[in-house]
Structure formats: C-alpha cells, structure tokens
Amino acid sequence: KATAINYTLNCDSKFEIRISDNGSGFEMESTKKGNGLDNMEWR
C-alpha cells in the first residue's frame, strides 16, 4: 500500500542497489517467507 517507491544505484568500485517504499511493512520475525523472498535469495 505504498504511495512512494525509491530506487537508488551507487557504484564506485562496487555497486549497491536499493529499492524502498513507504508502505505498510511487515514483521520480519513473524512473517513466513513466501516464494518471492526465497526466489530473491536464490537469485
């Protein structure tokens, strides 16, 4: 339910890419990872 999404890419000697939102978030400790997060970790 985000109203803003921010994307940043920085690269000096190594790159860092971030994507963030201002949405509802979730409880990381109690939320079961779904296929999406598992797939992101595998990739």
PDB file of all heavy atoms in Angstrom:
ATOM      1  N   LYS A   1       0.831  -1.208   0.000  1.00  0.00           N
ATOM      2  CA  LYS A   1       0.000   0.000   0.000  1.00  0.00           C
ATOM      3  C   LYS A   1       0.867   1.260   0.000  1.00  0.00           C
ATOM      4  O   LYS A   1       0.504   2.296   0.564  1.00  0.00           O
ATOM      5  CB  LYS A   1      -0.955   0.013   1.198  1.00  0.00           C
ATOM      6  CG  LYS A   1      -1.907  -1.168   1.225  1.00  0.00           C
ATOM      7  CD  LYS A   1      -2.817  -1.105   2.426  1.00  0.00           C
ATOM      8  CE  LYS A   1      -3.709  -2.319   2.454  1.00  0.00           C
ATOM      9  NZ  LYS A   1      -3.428  -3.222   3.525  1.00  0.00           N
ATOM     10  N   ALA A   2       2.020   1.182  -0.657  1.00  0.00           N
ATOM     11  CA  ALA A   2       2.955   2.307  -0.714  1.00  0.00           C
ATOM     12  C   ALA A   2       2.408   3.426  -1.577  1.00  0.00           C
ATOM     13  O   ALA A   2       1.670   3.193  -2.535  1.00  0.00           O
ATOM     14  CB  ALA A   2       4.297   1.832  -1.281  1.00  0.00           C
ATOM     15  N   THR A   3       2.802   4.645  -1.223  1.00  0.00           N
ATOM     16  CA  THR A   3       2.500   5.808  -2.063  1.00  0.00           C
ATOM     17  C   THR A   3       3.779   6.357  -2.694  1.00  0.00           C
ATOM     18  O   THR A   3       3.710   7.260  -3.523  1.00  0.00           O
ATOM     19  CB  THR A   3       1.811   6.919  -1.255  1.00  0.00           C
ATOM     20  OG1 THR A   3       2.675   7.311  -0.184  1.00  0.00           O
ATOM     21  CG2 THR A   3       0.472   6.446  -0.715  1.00  0.00           C
ATOM     22  N   ALA A   4       4.933   5.834  -2.281  1.00  0.00           N
ATOM     23  CA  ALA A   4       6.212   6.261  -2.845  1.00  0.00           C
ATOM     24  C   ALA A   4       7.182   5.091  -2.893  1.00  0.00           C
ATOM     25  O   ALA A   4       7.285   4.323  -1.931  1.00  0.00           O
ATOM     26  CB  ALA A   4       6.808   7.395  -2.021  1.00  0.00           C
ATOM     27  N   ILE A   5       7.869   4.966  -4.023  1.00  0.00           N
ATOM     28  CA  ILE A   5       8.911   3.958  -4.193  1.00  0.00           C
ATOM     29  C   ILE A   5      10.175   4.690  -4.624  1.00  0.00           C
ATOM     30  O   ILE A   5      10.143   5.532  -5.529  1.00  0.00           O
ATOM     31  CB  ILE A   5       8.507   2.900  -5.236  1.00  0.00           C
ATOM     32  CG1 ILE A   5       7.259   2.136  -4.766  1.00  0.00           C
ATOM     33  CG2 ILE A   5       9.670   1.930  -5.489  1.00  0.00           C
ATOM     34  CD1 ILE A   5       6.701   1.167  -5.780  1.00  0.00           C
ATOM     35  N   ASN A   6      11.274   4.380  -3.947  1.00  0.00           N
ATOM     36  CA  ASN A   6      12.571   4.991  -4.250  1.00  0.00           C
ATOM     37  C   ASN A   6      13.546   3.924  -4.715  1.00  0.00           C
ATOM     38  O   ASN A   6      13.625   2.841  -4.121  1.00  0.00           O
ATOM     39  CB  ASN A   6      13.142   5.692  -3.017  1.00  0.00           C
ATOM     40  CG  ASN A   6      12.279   6.839  -2.575  1.00  0.00           C
ATOM     41  OD1 ASN A   6      11.993   7.738  -3.345  1.00  0.00           O
ATOM     42  ND2 ASN A   6      11.831   6.790  -1.335  1.00  0.00           N
ATOM     43  N   TYR A   7      14.277   4.259  -5.771  1.00  0.00           N
ATOM     44  CA  TYR A   7      15.278   3.358  -6.347  1.00  0.00           C
ATOM     45  C   TYR A   7      16.595   4.109  -6.428  1.00  0.00           C
ATOM     46  O   TYR A   7      16.640   5.237  -6.920  1.00  0.00           O
ATOM     47  CB  TYR A   7      14.812   2.927  -7.740  1.00  0.00           C
ATOM     48  CG  TYR A   7      15.870   2.278  -8.592  1.00  0.00           C
ATOM     49  CD1 TYR A   7      16.262   0.965  -8.368  1.00  0.00           C
ATOM     50  CD2 TYR A   7      16.477   2.975  -9.637  1.00  0.00           C
ATOM     51  CE1 TYR A   7      17.233   0.371  -9.156  1.00  0.00           C
ATOM     52  CE2 TYR A   7      17.435   2.385 -10.430  1.00  0.00           C
ATOM     53  CZ  TYR A   7      17.816   1.088 -10.183  1.00  0.00           C
ATOM     54  OH  TYR A   7      18.776   0.504 -10.969  1.00  0.00           O
ATOM     55  N   THR A   8      17.661   3.519  -5.895  1.00  0.00           N
ATOM     56  CA  THR A   8      18.974   4.140  -5.989  1.00  0.00           C
ATOM     57  C   THR A   8      20.002   3.115  -6.433  1.00  0.00           C
ATOM     58  O   THR A   8      19.924   1.940  -6.071  1.00  0.00           O
ATOM     59  CB  THR A   8      19.438   4.741  -4.640  1.00  0.00           C
ATOM     60  OG1 THR A   8      19.477   3.710  -3.651  1.00  0.00           O
ATOM     61  CG2 THR A   8      18.529   5.847  -4.165  1.00  0.00           C
ATOM     62  N   LEU A   9      20.935   3.586  -7.232  1.00  0.00           N
ATOM     63  CA  LEU A   9      22.058   2.758  -7.654  1.00  0.00           C
ATOM     64  C   LEU A   9      23.319   3.591  -7.478  1.00  0.00           C
ATOM     65  O   LEU A   9      23.405   4.712  -7.996  1.00  0.00           O
ATOM     66  CB  LEU A   9      21.915   2.331  -9.116  1.00  0.00           C
ATOM     67  CG  LEU A   9      22.968   1.322  -9.589  1.00  0.00           C
ATOM     68  CD1 LEU A   9      22.389   0.429 -10.660  1.00  0.00           C
ATOM     69  CD2 LEU A   9      24.214   1.995 -10.100  1.00  0.00           C
ATOM     70  N   ASN A  10      24.252   3.078  -6.715  1.00  0.00           N
ATOM     71  CA  ASN A  10      25.539   3.718  -6.498  1.00  0.00           C
ATOM     72  C   ASN A  10      26.630   2.750  -6.908  1.00  0.00           C
ATOM     73  O   ASN A  10      26.536   1.546  -6.622  1.00  0.00           O
ATOM     74  CB  ASN A  10      25.735   4.098  -5.027  1.00  0.00           C
ATOM     75  CG  ASN A  10      24.778   5.171  -4.588  1.00  0.00           C
ATOM     76  OD1 ASN A  10      24.723   6.234  -5.186  1.00  0.00           O
ATOM     77  ND2 ASN A  10      23.998   4.889  -3.564  1.00  0.00           N
ATOM     78  N   CYS A  11      27.651   3.261  -7.596  1.00  0.00           N
ATOM     79  CA  CYS A  11      28.778   2.418  -7.952  1.00  0.00           C
ATOM     80  C   CYS A  11      30.048   3.240  -7.968  1.00  0.00           C
ATOM     81  O   CYS A  11      30.168   4.204  -8.722  1.00  0.00           O
ATOM     82  CB  CYS A  11      28.562   1.760  -9.315  1.00  0.00           C
ATOM     83  SG  CYS A  11      29.896   0.601  -9.728  1.00  0.00           S
ATOM     84  N   ASP A  12      30.950   2.866  -7.089  1.00  0.00           N
ATOM     85  CA  ASP A  12      32.301   3.403  -7.112  1.00  0.00           C
ATOM     86  C   ASP A  12      33.174   2.249  -7.570  1.00  0.00           C
ATOM     87  O   ASP A  12      33.287   2.006  -8.746  1.00  0.00           O
ATOM     88  CB  ASP A  12      32.682   3.922  -5.728  1.00  0.00           C
ATOM     89  CG  ASP A  12      33.951   4.751  -5.725  1.00  0.00           C
ATOM     90  OD1 ASP A  12      34.673   4.735  -6.740  1.00  0.00           O
ATOM     91  OD2 ASP A  12      34.226   5.426  -4.724  1.00  0.00           O
ATOM     92  N   SER A  13      33.705   1.472  -6.653  1.00  0.00           N
ATOM     93  CA  SER A  13      34.422   0.264  -7.063  1.00  0.00           C
ATOM     94  C   SER A  13      33.480  -0.942  -7.084  1.00  0.00           C
ATOM     95  O   SER A  13      33.708  -1.893  -7.818  1.00  0.00           O
ATOM     96  CB  SER A  13      35.601   0.001  -6.137  1.00  0.00           C
ATOM     97  OG  SER A  13      35.158  -0.184  -4.810  1.00  0.00           O
ATOM     98  N   LYS A  14      32.423  -0.895  -6.277  1.00  0.00           N
ATOM     99  CA  LYS A  14      31.397  -1.941  -6.252  1.00  0.00           C
ATOM    100  C   LYS A  14      30.038  -1.266  -6.286  1.00  0.00           C
ATOM    101  O   LYS A  14      29.892  -0.130  -5.868  1.00  0.00           O
ATOM    102  CB  LYS A  14      31.517  -2.803  -5.000  1.00  0.00           C
ATOM    103  CG  LYS A  14      32.800  -3.597  -4.937  1.00  0.00           C
ATOM    104  CD  LYS A  14      32.820  -4.518  -3.755  1.00  0.00           C
ATOM    105  CE  LYS A  14      34.106  -5.343  -3.788  1.00  0.00           C
ATOM    106  NZ  LYS A  14      34.071  -6.418  -2.834  1.00  0.00           N
ATOM    107  N   PHE A  15      29.034  -1.976  -6.780  1.00  0.00           N
ATOM    108  CA  PHE A  15      27.706  -1.369  -6.860  1.00  0.00           C
ATOM    109  C   PHE A  15      26.844  -1.739  -5.667  1.00  0.00           C
ATOM    110  O   PHE A  15      27.028  -2.781  -5.035  1.00  0.00           O
ATOM    111  CB  PHE A  15      26.983  -1.736  -8.168  1.00  0.00           C
ATOM    112  CG  PHE A  15      26.668  -3.196  -8.342  1.00  0.00           C
ATOM    113  CD1 PHE A  15      25.581  -3.780  -7.700  1.00  0.00           C
ATOM    114  CD2 PHE A  15      27.443  -3.990  -9.169  1.00  0.00           C
ATOM    115  CE1 PHE A  15      25.280  -5.120  -7.865  1.00  0.00           C
ATOM    116  CE2 PHE A  15      27.146  -5.330  -9.349  1.00  0.00           C
ATOM    117  CZ  PHE A  15      26.068  -5.899  -8.695  1.00  0.00           C
ATOM    118  N   GLU A  16      25.923  -0.843  -5.370  1.00  0.00           N
ATOM    119  CA  GLU A  16      24.866  -1.094  -4.392  1.00  0.00           C
ATOM    120  C   GLU A  16      23.578  -0.563  -5.000  1.00  0.00           C
ATOM    121  O   GLU A  16      23.522   0.556  -5.499  1.00  0.00           O
ATOM    122  CB  GLU A  16      25.119  -0.402  -3.063  1.00  0.00           C
ATOM    123  CG  GLU A  16      23.977  -0.665  -2.084  1.00  0.00           C
ATOM    124  CD  GLU A  16      24.104   0.081  -0.780  1.00  0.00           C
ATOM    125  OE1 GLU A  16      24.701   1.168  -0.745  1.00  0.00           O
ATOM    126  OE2 GLU A  16      23.562  -0.434   0.216  1.00  0.00           O
ATOM    127  N   ILE A  17      22.547  -1.388  -4.962  1.00  0.00           N
ATOM    128  CA  ILE A  17      21.241  -1.031  -5.495  1.00  0.00           C
ATOM    129  C   ILE A  17      20.235  -1.166  -4.365  1.00  0.00           C
ATOM    130  O   ILE A  17      20.232  -2.166  -3.651  1.00  0.00           O
ATOM    131  CB  ILE A  17      20.837  -1.962  -6.665  1.00  0.00           C
ATOM    132  CG1 ILE A  17      21.916  -1.978  -7.747  1.00  0.00           C
ATOM    133  CG2 ILE A  17      19.488  -1.545  -7.233  1.00  0.00           C
ATOM    134  CD1 ILE A  17      21.727  -3.066  -8.793  1.00  0.00           C
ATOM    135  N   ARG A  18      19.386  -0.146  -4.222  1.00  0.00           N
ATOM    136  CA  ARG A  18      18.338  -0.185  -3.188  1.00  0.00           C
ATOM    137  C   ARG A  18      17.005   0.171  -3.808  1.00  0.00           C
ATOM    138  O   ARG A  18      16.914   1.052  -4.643  1.00  0.00           O
ATOM    139  CB  ARG A  18      18.616   0.815  -2.079  1.00  0.00           C
ATOM    140  CG  ARG A  18      19.740   0.444  -1.188  1.00  0.00           C
ATOM    141  CD  ARG A  18      19.908   1.489  -0.107  1.00  0.00           C
ATOM    142  NE  ARG A  18      21.032   1.122   0.718  1.00  0.00           N
ATOM    143  CZ  ARG A  18      20.988   1.091   2.039  1.00  0.00           C
ATOM    144  NH1 ARG A  18      19.902   1.441   2.674  1.00  0.00           N
ATOM    145  NH2 ARG A  18      22.045   0.730   2.722  1.00  0.00           N
ATOM    146  N   ILE A  19      15.989  -0.524  -3.336  1.00  0.00           N
ATOM    147  CA  ILE A  19      14.618  -0.159  -3.674  1.00  0.00           C
ATOM    148  C   ILE A  19      13.846  -0.165  -2.357  1.00  0.00           C
ATOM    149  O   ILE A  19      13.952  -1.109  -1.569  1.00  0.00           O
ATOM    150  CB  ILE A  19      14.020  -1.092  -4.752  1.00  0.00           C
ATOM    151  CG1 ILE A  19      12.715  -0.530  -5.280  1.00  0.00           C
ATOM    152  CG2 ILE A  19      13.904  -2.510  -4.293  1.00  0.00           C
ATOM    153  CD1 ILE A  19      12.306  -1.099  -6.620  1.00  0.00           C
ATOM    154  N   SER A  20      13.162   0.927  -2.095  1.00  0.00           N
ATOM    155  CA  SER A  20      12.445   1.047  -0.822  1.00  0.00           C
ATOM    156  C   SER A  20      11.080   1.676  -1.060  1.00  0.00           C
ATOM    157  O   SER A  20      10.846   2.334  -2.071  1.00  0.00           O
ATOM    158  CB  SER A  20      13.250   1.889   0.175  1.00  0.00           C
ATOM    159  OG  SER A  20      13.456   3.195  -0.326  1.00  0.00           O
ATOM    160  N   ASP A  21      10.194   1.449  -0.096  1.00  0.00           N
ATOM    161  CA  ASP A  21       8.863   2.048  -0.185  1.00  0.00           C
ATOM    162  C   ASP A  21       8.451   2.579   1.177  1.00  0.00           C
ATOM    163  O   ASP A  21       9.087   2.284   2.188  1.00  0.00           O
ATOM    164  CB  ASP A  21       7.833   1.045  -0.733  1.00  0.00           C
ATOM    165  CG  ASP A  21       7.594  -0.144   0.187  1.00  0.00           C
ATOM    166  OD1 ASP A  21       7.289   0.074   1.386  1.00  0.00           O
ATOM    167  OD2 ASP A  21       7.688  -1.290  -0.279  1.00  0.00           O
ATOM    168  N   ASN A  22       7.394   3.355   1.174  1.00  0.00           N
ATOM    169  CA  ASN A  22       6.864   3.920   2.418  1.00  0.00           C
ATOM    170  C   ASN A  22       5.581   3.193   2.836  1.00  0.00           C
ATOM    171  O   ASN A  22       4.740   3.762   3.510  1.00  0.00           O
ATOM    172  CB  ASN A  22       6.589   5.409   2.265  1.00  0.00           C
ATOM    173  CG  ASN A  22       5.464   5.704   1.283  1.00  0.00           C
ATOM    174  OD1 ASN A  22       5.072   4.838   0.491  1.00  0.00           O
ATOM    175  ND2 ASN A  22       4.954   6.922   1.313  1.00  0.00           N
ATOM    176  N   GLY A  23       5.470   1.952   2.442  1.00  0.00           N
ATOM    177  CA  GLY A  23       4.244   1.193   2.666  1.00  0.00           C
ATOM    178  C   GLY A  23       4.072   0.659   4.073  1.00  0.00           C
ATOM    179  O   GLY A  23       4.702   1.107   5.033  1.00  0.00           O
ATOM    180  N   SER A  24       3.217  -0.345   4.171  1.00  0.00           N
ATOM    181  CA  SER A  24       2.808  -0.873   5.467  1.00  0.00           C
ATOM    182  C   SER A  24       3.886  -1.696   6.159  1.00  0.00           C
ATOM    183  O   SER A  24       3.824  -1.897   7.365  1.00  0.00           O
ATOM    184  CB  SER A  24       1.544  -1.722   5.309  1.00  0.00           C
ATOM    185  OG  SER A  24       1.784  -2.778   4.396  1.00  0.00           O
ATOM    186  N   GLY A  25       4.872  -2.192   5.413  1.00  0.00           N
ATOM    187  CA  GLY A  25       5.907  -3.022   6.019  1.00  0.00           C
ATOM    188  C   GLY A  25       5.344  -4.324   6.555  1.00  0.00           C
ATOM    189  O   GLY A  25       4.157  -4.625   6.399  1.00  0.00           O
ATOM    190  N   PHE A  26       6.197  -5.110   7.195  1.00  0.00           N
ATOM    191  CA  PHE A  26       5.759  -6.373   7.786  1.00  0.00           C
ATOM    192  C   PHE A  26       6.701  -6.752   8.914  1.00  0.00           C
ATOM    193  O   PHE A  26       7.823  -6.263   8.997  1.00  0.00           O
ATOM    194  CB  PHE A  26       5.678  -7.491   6.732  1.00  0.00           C
ATOM    195  CG  PHE A  26       6.985  -7.817   6.047  1.00  0.00           C
ATOM    196  CD1 PHE A  26       7.833  -8.793   6.535  1.00  0.00           C
ATOM    197  CD2 PHE A  26       7.363  -7.131   4.893  1.00  0.00           C
ATOM    198  CE1 PHE A  26       9.034  -9.094   5.897  1.00  0.00           C
ATOM    199  CE2 PHE A  26       8.550  -7.429   4.243  1.00  0.00           C
ATOM    200  CZ  PHE A  26       9.389  -8.412   4.748  1.00  0.00           C
ATOM    201  N   GLU A  27       6.207  -7.600   9.796  1.00  0.00           N
ATOM    202  CA  GLU A  27       7.009  -8.115  10.909  1.00  0.00           C
ATOM    203  C   GLU A  27       7.951  -9.177  10.363  1.00  0.00           C
ATOM    204  O   GLU A  27       7.520 -10.249   9.959  1.00  0.00           O
ATOM    205  CB  GLU A  27       6.118  -8.738  11.990  1.00  0.00           C
ATOM    206  CG  GLU A  27       5.364  -7.748  12.827  1.00  0.00           C
ATOM    207  CD  GLU A  27       6.244  -7.059  13.852  1.00  0.00           C
ATOM    208  OE1 GLU A  27       7.378  -7.508  14.113  1.00  0.00           O
ATOM    209  OE2 GLU A  27       5.793  -6.038  14.382  1.00  0.00           O
ATOM    210  N   MET A  28       9.229  -8.885  10.334  1.00  0.00           N
ATOM    211  CA  MET A  28      10.185  -9.816   9.739  1.00  0.00           C
ATOM    212  C   MET A  28      10.307 -11.113  10.528  1.00  0.00           C
ATOM    213  O   MET A  28      10.460 -12.178   9.938  1.00  0.00           O
ATOM    214  CB  MET A  28      11.547  -9.144   9.593  1.00  0.00           C
ATOM    215  CG  MET A  28      11.520  -8.056   8.533  1.00  0.00           C
ATOM    216  SD  MET A  28      13.103  -7.291   8.209  1.00  0.00           S
ATOM    217  CE  MET A  28      14.099  -8.669   7.695  1.00  0.00           C
ATOM    218  N   GLU A  29      10.222 -11.018  11.837  1.00  0.00           N
ATOM    219  CA  GLU A  29      10.402 -12.215  12.665  1.00  0.00           C
ATOM    220  C   GLU A  29       9.221 -13.176  12.565  1.00  0.00           C
ATOM    221  O   GLU A  29       9.387 -14.381  12.628  1.00  0.00           O
ATOM    222  CB  GLU A  29      10.614 -11.832  14.135  1.00  0.00           C
ATOM    223  CG  GLU A  29      11.882 -11.056  14.396  1.00  0.00           C
ATOM    224  CD  GLU A  29      11.731  -9.576  14.076  1.00  0.00           C
ATOM    225  OE1 GLU A  29      10.606  -9.040  14.167  1.00  0.00           O
ATOM    226  OE2 GLU A  29      12.736  -8.949  13.709  1.00  0.00           O
ATOM    227  N   SER A  30       8.028 -12.640  12.426  1.00  0.00           N
ATOM    228  CA  SER A  30       6.844 -13.498  12.480  1.00  0.00           C
ATOM    229  C   SER A  30       6.231 -13.779  11.112  1.00  0.00           C
ATOM    230  O   SER A  30       5.331 -14.600  11.012  1.00  0.00           O
ATOM    231  CB  SER A  30       5.782 -12.872  13.393  1.00  0.00           C
ATOM    232  OG  SER A  30       5.373 -11.624  12.879  1.00  0.00           O
ATOM    233  N   THR A  31       6.719 -13.130  10.057  1.00  0.00           N
ATOM    234  CA  THR A  31       6.158 -13.341   8.733  1.00  0.00           C
ATOM    235  C   THR A  31       6.866 -14.495   8.051  1.00  0.00           C
ATOM    236  O   THR A  31       8.098 -14.540   8.004  1.00  0.00           O
ATOM    237  CB  THR A  31       6.288 -12.062   7.871  1.00  0.00           C
ATOM    238  OG1 THR A  31       5.591 -11.014   8.522  1.00  0.00           O
ATOM    239  CG2 THR A  31       5.726 -12.273   6.484  1.00  0.00           C
ATOM    240  N   LYS A  32       6.090 -15.420   7.547  1.00  0.00           N
ATOM    241  CA  LYS A  32       6.653 -16.550   6.818  1.00  0.00           C
ATOM    242  C   LYS A  32       7.101 -16.069   5.443  1.00  0.00           C
ATOM    243  O   LYS A  32       6.373 -15.382   4.746  1.00  0.00           O
ATOM    244  CB  LYS A  32       5.596 -17.647   6.665  1.00  0.00           C
ATOM    245  CG  LYS A  32       6.095 -18.867   5.954  1.00  0.00           C
ATOM    246  CD  LYS A  32       4.995 -19.896   5.766  1.00  0.00           C
ATOM    247  CE  LYS A  32       5.519 -21.013   4.903  1.00  0.00           C
ATOM    248  NZ  LYS A  32       4.481 -21.796   4.306  1.00  0.00           N
ATOM    249  N   LYS A  33       8.341 -16.435   5.089  1.00  0.00           N
ATOM    250  CA  LYS A  33       8.838 -16.064   3.769  1.00  0.00           C
ATOM    251  C   LYS A  33       8.054 -16.824   2.709  1.00  0.00           C
ATOM    252  O   LYS A  33       7.813 -18.014   2.831  1.00  0.00           O
ATOM    253  CB  LYS A  33      10.322 -16.418   3.624  1.00  0.00           C
ATOM    254  CG  LYS A  33      11.238 -15.485   4.334  1.00  0.00           C
ATOM    255  CD  LYS A  33      12.680 -15.645   3.920  1.00  0.00           C
ATOM    256  CE  LYS A  33      13.168 -17.054   4.026  1.00  0.00           C
ATOM    257  NZ  LYS A  33      14.577 -17.208   3.738  1.00  0.00           N
ATOM    258  N   GLY A  34       7.701 -16.120   1.674  1.00  0.00           N
ATOM    259  CA  GLY A  34       6.997 -16.744   0.560  1.00  0.00           C
ATOM    260  C   GLY A  34       7.960 -17.067  -0.566  1.00  0.00           C
ATOM    261  O   GLY A  34       9.173 -16.895  -0.459  1.00  0.00           O
ATOM    262  N   ASN A  35       7.395 -17.521  -1.666  1.00  0.00           N
ATOM    263  CA  ASN A  35       8.206 -17.874  -2.823  1.00  0.00           C
ATOM    264  C   ASN A  35       9.004 -16.689  -3.346  1.00  0.00           C
ATOM    265  O   ASN A  35      10.121 -16.854  -3.823  1.00  0.00           O
ATOM    266  CB  ASN A  35       7.321 -18.432  -3.942  1.00  0.00           C
ATOM    267  CG  ASN A  35       6.777 -19.801  -3.607  1.00  0.00           C
ATOM    268  OD1 ASN A  35       7.353 -20.525  -2.802  1.00  0.00           O
ATOM    269  ND2 ASN A  35       5.668 -20.141  -4.210  1.00  0.00           N
ATOM    270  N   GLY A  36       8.428 -15.492  -3.284  1.00  0.00           N
ATOM    271  CA  GLY A  36       9.106 -14.314  -3.792  1.00  0.00           C
ATOM    272  C   GLY A  36      10.421 -14.049  -3.080  1.00  0.00           C
ATOM    273  O   GLY A  36      11.457 -13.857  -3.726  1.00  0.00           O
ATOM    274  N   LEU A  37      10.409 -14.032  -1.750  1.00  0.00           N
ATOM    275  CA  LEU A  37      11.638 -13.786  -0.990  1.00  0.00           C
ATOM    276  C   LEU A  37      12.629 -14.929  -1.154  1.00  0.00           C
ATOM    277  O   LEU A  37      13.836 -14.698  -1.292  1.00  0.00           O
ATOM    278  CB  LEU A  37      11.328 -13.555   0.489  1.00  0.00           C
ATOM    279  CG  LEU A  37      10.620 -12.250   0.829  1.00  0.00           C
ATOM    280  CD1 LEU A  37      10.283 -12.192   2.304  1.00  0.00           C
ATOM    281  CD2 LEU A  37      11.450 -11.052   0.421  1.00  0.00           C
ATOM    282  N   ASP A  38      12.136 -16.161  -1.159  1.00  0.00           N
ATOM    283  CA  ASP A  38      13.025 -17.304  -1.387  1.00  0.00           C
ATOM    284  C   ASP A  38      13.688 -17.213  -2.762  1.00  0.00           C
ATOM    285  O   ASP A  38      14.882 -17.460  -2.903  1.00  0.00           O
ATOM    286  CB  ASP A  38      12.253 -18.626  -1.281  1.00  0.00           C
ATOM    287  CG  ASP A  38      11.949 -19.017   0.148  1.00  0.00           C
ATOM    288  OD1 ASP A  38      12.609 -18.505   1.071  1.00  0.00           O
ATOM    289  OD2 ASP A  38      11.044 -19.851   0.347  1.00  0.00           O
ATOM    290  N   ASN A  39      12.915 -16.840  -3.756  1.00  0.00           N
ATOM    291  CA  ASN A  39      13.437 -16.716  -5.114  1.00  0.00           C
ATOM    292  C   ASN A  39      14.473 -15.590  -5.195  1.00  0.00           C
ATOM    293  O   ASN A  39      15.505 -15.733  -5.864  1.00  0.00           O
ATOM    294  CB  ASN A  39      12.276 -16.453  -6.074  1.00  0.00           C
ATOM    295  CG  ASN A  39      12.549 -16.954  -7.454  1.00  0.00           C
ATOM    296  OD1 ASN A  39      13.571 -17.576  -7.723  1.00  0.00           O
ATOM    297  ND2 ASN A  39      11.629 -16.673  -8.357  1.00  0.00           N
ATOM    298  N   MET A  40      14.211 -14.479  -4.512  1.00  0.00           N
ATOM    299  CA  MET A  40      15.172 -13.375  -4.489  1.00  0.00           C
ATOM    300  C   MET A  40      16.492 -13.825  -3.865  1.00  0.00           C
ATOM    301  O   MET A  40      17.573 -13.500  -4.377  1.00  0.00           O
ATOM    302  CB  MET A  40      14.590 -12.183  -3.718  1.00  0.00           C
ATOM    303  CG  MET A  40      13.460 -11.479  -4.432  1.00  0.00           C
ATOM    304  SD  MET A  40      12.547 -10.319  -3.377  1.00  0.00           S
ATOM    305  CE  MET A  40      13.750  -9.039  -3.129  1.00  0.00           C
ATOM    306  N   GLU A  41      16.417 -14.575  -2.775  1.00  0.00           N
ATOM    307  CA  GLU A  41      17.629 -15.053  -2.111  1.00  0.00           C
ATOM    308  C   GLU A  41      18.404 -16.027  -3.001  1.00  0.00           C
ATOM    309  O   GLU A  41      19.631 -15.966  -3.078  1.00  0.00           O
ATOM    310  CB  GLU A  41      17.281 -15.697  -0.770  1.00  0.00           C
ATOM    311  CG  GLU A  41      16.823 -14.680   0.252  1.00  0.00           C
ATOM    312  CD  GLU A  41      16.348 -15.295   1.546  1.00  0.00           C
ATOM    313  OE1 GLU A  41      16.315 -16.548   1.673  1.00  0.00           O
ATOM    314  OE2 GLU A  41      15.986 -14.524   2.459  1.00  0.00           O
ATOM    315  N   TRP A  42      17.687 -16.920  -3.691  1.00  0.00           N
ATOM    316  CA  TRP A  42      18.338 -17.858  -4.602  1.00  0.00           C
ATOM    317  C   TRP A  42      19.040 -17.102  -5.728  1.00  0.00           C
ATOM    318  O   TRP A  42      20.183 -17.382  -6.072  1.00  0.00           O
ATOM    319  CB  TRP A  42      17.310 -18.847  -5.175  1.00  0.00           C
ATOM    320  CG  TRP A  42      17.912 -19.759  -6.183  1.00  0.00           C
ATOM    321  CD1 TRP A  42      18.640 -20.893  -5.952  1.00  0.00           C
ATOM    322  CD2 TRP A  42      17.862 -19.601  -7.610  1.00  0.00           C
ATOM    323  NE1 TRP A  42      19.042 -21.449  -7.142  1.00  0.00           N
ATOM    324  CE2 TRP A  42      18.580 -20.673  -8.172  1.00  0.00           C
ATOM    325  CE3 TRP A  42      17.288 -18.661  -8.449  1.00  0.00           C
ATOM    326  CZ2 TRP A  42      18.742 -20.832  -9.554  1.00  0.00           C
ATOM    327  CZ3 TRP A  42      17.441 -18.816  -9.818  1.00  0.00           C
ATOM    328  CH2 TRP A  42      18.150 -19.890 -10.364  1.00  0.00           C
ATOM    329  N   ARG A  43      18.346 -16.125  -6.311  1.00  0.00           N
ATOM    330  CA  ARG A  43      18.928 -15.344  -7.405  1.00  0.00           C
ATOM    331  C   ARG A  43      20.156 -14.552  -6.937  1.00  0.00           C
ATOM    332  O   ARG A  43      21.127 -14.422  -7.673  1.00  0.00           O
ATOM    333  CB  ARG A  43      17.888 -14.410  -8.011  1.00  0.00           C
ATOM    334  CG  ARG A  43      16.864 -15.162  -8.838  1.00  0.00           C
ATOM    335  CD  ARG A  43      15.956 -14.201  -9.584  1.00  0.00           C
ATOM    336  NE  ARG A  43      15.045 -14.914 -10.436  1.00  0.00           N
ATOM    337  CZ  ARG A  43      15.356 -15.437 -11.624  1.00  0.00           C
ATOM    338  NH1 ARG A  43      16.575 -15.325 -12.089  1.00  0.00           N
ATOM    339  NH2 ARG A  43      14.450 -16.066 -12.342  1.00  0.00           N
TER     340      ARG A  43
END
